[in-house]
Amino acid sequence: MFPKVPDQHKVGKPLIPNGLGILYILFITVYLFLLYFLRVDGSSATVSAPFTLAVCILFGGFMGLLDDWMDLKWRYKAFMPLIAALPLIYYAQQAHARTAISLPFIGTIQFGAVYFYIIIPLIVMIVTNTVNQLGGLNGLETICPAIVILGLMAVSPSYILMVGPLLFWLILAYFNFNGKIFVGNSGSFAIGMTIASFAVISDLKLSLLVSIIPYIFNSALILLIVYFTRKKASVSFDGEKLSSDQRRSLITVITYHRPLTEKQVVRIIALIVALFTLIGILIQLLS
């Protein structure tokens, strides 16, 4: 049913089913529509939170499918998530969303209308693309986003929106981590859109910002190296462990002259994401 692609970091490069992230898209869409029809909106807005979230994720999945089929260049797909920001902008306006951000020891920064037309689109674009960029190893595209979502759910009054989808995503994460499936770009774009949209709907801007610092670091390093040297990040595989002789991404920083197995690298990055997510939760609670 699904096209197979080689697993580059396994002996013999076995063929693995790719694109199973589409199952997550189908599941979460049905789940959110059920919440919508049952009037479990998770908000007091005149528009539905489940319906808005479903629309955004459907677009994220569609964008991922386009990338899987057409191998879109980054200069095109980097800005495509901006379209998915439109329903979030409308939702935030109708919900009279808080347009300020409270920072510990600093105070409250008021954005006003800028929040709707600049901050929300930037959140969607940055989160979706950075989540998609931190991949390439079994489990990175699934385990790390699940940690961020779990953290956001812990401080969100609208956690019901993500209970079913997170459980389903964790099932995919188990098989992905063990090298049985790939979620593909459809899955990584959809889960990135899930994180961004859920954070906006739940008004967790600060928690989200701190949680995705590892993602931002990875993408910033990749883009800076490509811009100045035109070289891409890569790791070498000796049949057992991964290693790198350059530092051009979060993965290559961790494996720089330090051979590690694929699962060890994924566990280290997952712990880093978990640490920043925990910090994001604490800051959110204190702000």
Protein backbone atom coordinates (compact mmCIF):
# COMPACT_ATOMS: atom_id res chain seq x y z
CA MET A 1 0.00 0.00 0.00
CA PHE A 2 2.88 2.37 0.74
CA PRO A 3 6.01 3.02 -1.34
CA LYS A 4 9.21 1.65 0.16
CA VAL A 5 12.47 3.55 0.54
CA PRO A 6 15.88 2.34 1.77
CA ASP A 7 16.86 2.82 5.40
CA GLN A 8 20.25 4.48 4.93
CA HIS A 9 21.50 3.70 8.43
CA LYS A 10 20.93 -0.04 8.47
CA VAL A 11 23.15 -2.79 7.12
CA GLY A 12 22.04 -3.67 3.61
CA LYS A 13 19.75 -0.62 3.45
CA PRO A 14 16.47 -2.57 3.80
CA LEU A 15 13.36 -1.15 2.17
CA ILE A 16 10.92 0.40 4.65
CA PRO A 17 7.30 1.50 4.03
CA ASN A 18 7.21 5.30 3.78
CA GLY A 19 4.46 7.89 4.18
CA LEU A 20 2.54 6.31 7.04
CA GLY A 21 2.08 9.77 8.51
CA ILE A 22 -1.03 9.89 6.34
CA LEU A 23 -2.66 7.50 8.82
CA TYR A 24 -2.12 10.07 11.56
CA ILE A 25 -3.73 12.75 9.39
CA LEU A 26 -6.78 10.56 8.78
CA PHE A 27 -7.08 9.61 12.45
CA ILE A 28 -6.72 13.10 13.87
CA THR A 29 -9.13 14.54 11.31
CA VAL A 30 -11.84 12.03 12.26
CA TYR A 31 -11.09 12.54 15.96
CA LEU A 32 -11.32 16.33 15.74
CA PHE A 33 -14.47 16.24 13.63
CA LEU A 34 -16.06 14.00 16.27
CA LEU A 35 -15.16 16.54 18.94
CA TYR A 36 -16.63 19.25 16.73
CA PHE A 37 -19.91 17.41 16.24
CA LEU A 38 -20.06 16.60 19.95
CA ARG A 39 -19.45 20.31 20.68
CA VAL A 40 -16.29 19.59 22.66
CA ASP A 41 -14.67 22.77 21.41
CA GLY A 42 -12.04 23.29 24.07
CA SER A 43 -12.74 27.04 23.96
CA SER A 44 -15.44 29.66 24.26
CA ALA A 45 -14.87 31.04 20.77
CA THR A 46 -17.59 31.53 18.20
CA VAL A 47 -15.58 29.23 15.92
CA SER A 48 -14.60 25.68 16.74
CA ALA A 49 -11.13 24.84 18.03
CA PRO A 50 -11.29 21.20 16.77
CA PHE A 51 -12.47 22.32 13.34
CA THR A 52 -9.74 24.97 13.06
CA LEU A 53 -7.06 22.51 14.16
CA ALA A 54 -8.30 19.89 11.68
CA VAL A 55 -8.16 22.35 8.77
CA CYS A 56 -4.58 23.35 9.62
CA ILE A 57 -3.39 19.75 9.94
CA LEU A 58 -5.06 18.74 6.69
CA PHE A 59 -3.13 21.48 4.93
CA GLY A 60 0.08 20.41 6.62
CA GLY A 61 -0.45 16.85 5.44
CA PHE A 62 -1.26 18.01 1.92
CA MET A 63 1.92 20.07 1.86
CA GLY A 64 3.90 17.03 3.00
CA LEU A 65 2.36 14.88 0.29
CA LEU A 66 3.33 17.46 -2.32
CA ASP A 67 6.89 17.32 -1.03
CA ASP A 68 6.90 13.52 -1.12
CA TRP A 69 5.62 13.50 -4.70
CA MET A 70 7.45 16.50 -6.15
CA ASP A 71 10.48 16.94 -3.85
CA LEU A 72 9.80 20.65 -3.44
CA LYS A 73 12.73 23.00 -2.99
CA TRP A 74 13.07 24.70 0.38
CA ARG A 75 12.54 28.18 -1.04
CA TYR A 76 9.00 27.08 -1.97
CA LYS A 77 7.92 24.89 0.92
CA ALA A 78 9.40 27.21 3.55
CA PHE A 79 6.60 29.72 2.96
CA MET A 80 3.74 27.33 2.16
CA PRO A 81 2.70 26.96 5.83
CA LEU A 82 1.73 30.64 5.81
CA ILE A 83 -1.48 29.66 4.04
CA ALA A 84 -2.38 27.38 6.95
CA ALA A 85 -2.05 30.36 9.29
CA LEU A 86 -5.23 31.93 7.86
CA PRO A 87 -7.74 29.80 9.83
CA LEU A 88 -5.65 30.32 12.97
CA ILE A 89 -5.72 34.09 12.49
CA TYR A 90 -9.51 34.02 12.13
CA TYR A 91 -9.88 31.75 15.15
CA ALA A 92 -7.63 33.92 17.33
CA GLN A 93 -9.56 37.05 16.37
CA GLN A 94 -12.95 35.48 17.05
CA ALA A 95 -11.71 34.01 20.33
CA HIS A 96 -10.34 37.41 21.39
CA ALA A 97 -6.99 35.72 21.96
CA ARG A 98 -4.46 37.35 24.24
CA THR A 99 -2.06 39.31 22.03
CA ALA A 100 0.62 39.69 24.71
CA ILE A 101 3.38 37.46 26.01
CA SER A 102 4.48 37.48 29.66
CA LEU A 103 8.16 36.87 30.29
CA PRO A 104 9.53 36.08 33.77
CA PHE A 105 11.67 38.90 35.22
CA ILE A 106 10.89 41.05 32.15
CA GLY A 107 7.17 41.64 32.15
CA THR A 108 4.43 41.65 29.55
CA ILE A 109 5.07 42.51 25.92
CA GLN A 110 1.96 43.65 24.04
CA PHE A 111 1.86 42.90 20.31
CA GLY A 112 -1.65 44.10 19.47
CA ALA A 113 -2.72 43.50 15.87
CA VAL A 114 0.84 42.45 15.02
CA TYR A 115 0.15 39.19 16.85
CA PHE A 116 -2.58 38.20 14.38
CA TYR A 117 -0.89 39.14 11.13
CA ILE A 118 2.80 38.58 11.85
CA ILE A 119 3.37 36.51 15.01
CA ILE A 120 0.88 33.72 14.22
CA PRO A 121 2.13 33.26 10.61
CA LEU A 122 5.73 33.23 11.89
CA ILE A 123 4.87 30.61 14.53
CA VAL A 124 3.28 28.36 11.91
CA MET A 125 6.07 28.80 9.38
CA ILE A 126 8.97 28.37 11.82
CA VAL A 127 7.57 25.44 13.79
CA THR A 128 6.42 23.46 10.76
CA ASN A 129 9.69 23.85 8.88
CA THR A 130 12.02 23.29 11.84
CA VAL A 131 10.18 20.13 12.88
CA ASN A 132 10.47 18.85 9.32
CA GLN A 133 14.21 19.62 9.20
CA LEU A 134 15.11 17.67 12.33
CA GLY A 135 14.85 14.21 10.84
CA GLY A 136 16.80 11.57 9.01
CA LEU A 137 17.07 9.07 11.86
CA ASN A 138 14.44 6.57 12.97
CA GLY A 139 12.38 8.17 15.72
CA LEU A 140 13.41 11.81 15.38
CA GLU A 141 10.32 12.77 13.36
CA THR A 142 8.01 11.05 15.84
CA ILE A 143 9.42 10.85 19.38
CA CYS A 144 10.64 14.45 19.68
CA PRO A 145 7.41 16.10 18.47
CA ALA A 146 5.44 13.80 20.80
CA ILE A 147 7.48 15.14 23.74
CA VAL A 148 6.68 18.74 22.78
CA ILE A 149 2.97 17.98 22.39
CA LEU A 150 2.89 16.18 25.74
CA GLY A 151 4.46 19.23 27.36
CA LEU A 152 1.94 21.59 25.79
CA MET A 153 -0.92 19.33 26.86
CA ALA A 154 0.32 19.43 30.45
CA VAL A 155 -0.39 23.17 30.70
CA SER A 156 -3.29 23.48 28.26
CA PRO A 157 -6.96 23.57 29.25
CA SER A 158 -7.71 22.22 25.77
CA TYR A 159 -5.68 19.03 26.20
CA ILE A 160 -8.68 16.93 25.08
CA LEU A 161 -7.91 18.02 21.51
CA MET A 162 -4.70 15.98 21.51
CA VAL A 163 -5.41 12.94 23.73
CA GLY A 164 -6.44 10.55 20.94
CA PRO A 165 -4.03 11.90 18.30
CA LEU A 166 -1.05 11.70 20.69
CA LEU A 167 -1.80 8.07 21.55
CA PHE A 168 -2.04 7.21 17.85
CA TRP A 169 1.17 9.13 17.10
CA LEU A 170 3.00 7.23 19.85
CA ILE A 171 2.05 3.96 18.14
CA LEU A 172 3.62 5.25 14.93
CA ALA A 173 6.62 6.44 16.96
CA TYR A 174 7.20 2.96 18.35
CA PHE A 175 7.36 1.38 14.89
CA ASN A 176 9.36 4.30 13.50
CA PHE A 177 11.95 4.14 16.29
CA ASN A 178 12.40 0.42 15.65
CA GLY A 179 12.91 0.96 11.92
CA LYS A 180 9.65 -0.63 10.76
CA ILE A 181 8.04 2.43 9.14
CA PHE A 182 8.74 6.01 8.04
CA VAL A 183 6.11 8.72 8.51
CA GLY A 184 7.45 10.70 5.54
CA ASN A 185 7.09 14.40 4.88
CA SER A 186 3.32 14.08 5.16
CA GLY A 187 3.76 13.00 8.77
CA SER A 188 6.49 15.48 9.74
CA PHE A 189 4.68 18.46 8.20
CA ALA A 190 1.37 17.41 9.76
CA ILE A 191 2.87 16.99 13.23
CA GLY A 192 4.70 20.30 12.93
CA MET A 193 1.44 21.98 11.99
CA THR A 194 -0.23 20.20 14.92
CA ILE A 195 2.28 21.64 17.39
CA ALA A 196 2.03 25.18 16.03
CA SER A 197 -1.78 25.20 15.77
CA PHE A 198 -2.36 23.60 19.16
CA ALA A 199 -0.01 26.10 20.81
CA VAL A 200 -1.81 29.07 19.23
CA ILE A 201 -5.26 27.72 20.12
CA SER A 202 -4.13 27.02 23.69
CA ASP A 203 -2.29 30.38 23.99
CA LEU A 204 1.03 28.71 24.86
CA LYS A 205 3.36 30.96 22.91
CA LEU A 206 6.09 31.14 25.54
CA SER A 207 6.07 27.42 26.32
CA LEU A 208 6.23 26.62 22.62
CA LEU A 209 9.12 29.01 22.01
CA VAL A 210 11.26 27.43 24.71
CA SER A 211 10.32 23.86 23.77
CA ILE A 212 11.42 24.20 20.15
CA ILE A 213 14.81 25.82 20.88
CA PRO A 214 16.61 22.58 19.83
CA TYR A 215 14.67 22.63 16.56
CA ILE A 216 15.53 26.28 15.95
CA PHE A 217 19.21 25.63 16.74
CA ASN A 218 19.28 22.73 14.27
CA SER A 219 17.62 24.67 11.45
CA ALA A 220 19.67 27.84 12.05
CA LEU A 221 22.91 25.86 11.95
CA ILE A 222 21.90 24.04 8.77
CA LEU A 223 20.84 27.22 6.99
CA LEU A 224 23.90 29.22 8.05
CA ILE A 225 26.31 26.50 6.90
CA VAL A 226 24.50 26.08 3.58
CA TYR A 227 24.41 29.85 3.02
CA PHE A 228 28.10 30.44 3.74
CA THR A 229 29.69 27.20 2.55
CA ARG A 230 27.08 25.58 0.28
CA LYS A 231 27.69 22.32 2.14
CA LYS A 232 25.02 20.08 3.62
CA ALA A 233 25.09 18.17 6.89
CA SER A 234 25.79 14.45 6.66
CA VAL A 235 26.87 11.54 8.83
CA SER A 236 28.85 8.45 7.90
CA PHE A 237 27.70 4.93 8.78
CA ASP A 238 30.24 2.17 9.35
CA GLY A 239 27.69 -0.62 9.55
CA GLU A 240 27.13 -0.17 13.27
CA LYS A 241 27.58 3.45 14.35
CA LEU A 242 27.14 6.96 13.02
CA SER A 243 29.86 9.59 13.12
CA SER A 244 30.63 12.97 11.61
CA ASP A 245 33.76 15.00 10.89
CA GLN A 246 31.85 18.29 10.68
CA ARG A 247 29.26 20.22 12.71
CA ARG A 248 26.48 21.36 10.41
CA SER A 249 23.35 20.22 12.26
CA LEU A 250 22.27 19.03 15.70
CA ILE A 251 22.89 15.42 14.64
CA THR A 252 26.41 16.12 13.39
CA VAL A 253 27.24 18.16 16.51
CA ILE A 254 26.34 15.16 18.68
CA THR A 255 28.23 12.65 16.49
CA TYR A 256 31.25 14.90 15.84
CA HIS A 257 34.23 12.54 16.28
CA ARG A 258 31.96 10.54 18.62
CA PRO A 259 30.63 7.31 17.02
CA LEU A 260 27.17 6.47 18.33
CA THR A 261 24.42 4.10 17.28
CA GLU A 262 21.34 5.53 15.62
CA LYS A 263 19.19 4.84 18.67
CA GLN A 264 21.73 6.49 20.97
CA VAL A 265 21.66 9.68 18.89
CA VAL A 266 17.86 9.70 18.88
CA ARG A 267 17.74 9.18 22.66
CA ILE A 268 20.19 12.05 23.24
CA ILE A 269 18.21 14.45 21.06
CA ALA A 270 14.95 13.32 22.67
CA LEU A 271 16.43 14.08 26.10
CA ILE A 272 17.52 17.54 24.92
CA VAL A 273 14.01 18.25 23.60
CA ALA A 274 12.50 16.92 26.83
CA LEU A 275 14.74 19.22 28.89
CA PHE A 276 13.73 22.34 26.97
CA THR A 277 10.09 21.27 27.02
CA LEU A 278 10.25 20.92 30.81
CA ILE A 279 11.83 24.37 31.07
CA GLY A 280 9.07 25.72 28.81
CA ILE A 281 6.41 24.21 31.08
CA LEU A 282 7.98 25.69 34.21
CA ILE A 283 8.33 29.13 32.65
CA GLN A 284 4.71 28.98 31.47
CA LEU A 285 3.56 28.14 34.99
CA LEU A 286 5.62 30.94 36.50
CA SER A 287 4.69 33.63 33.96
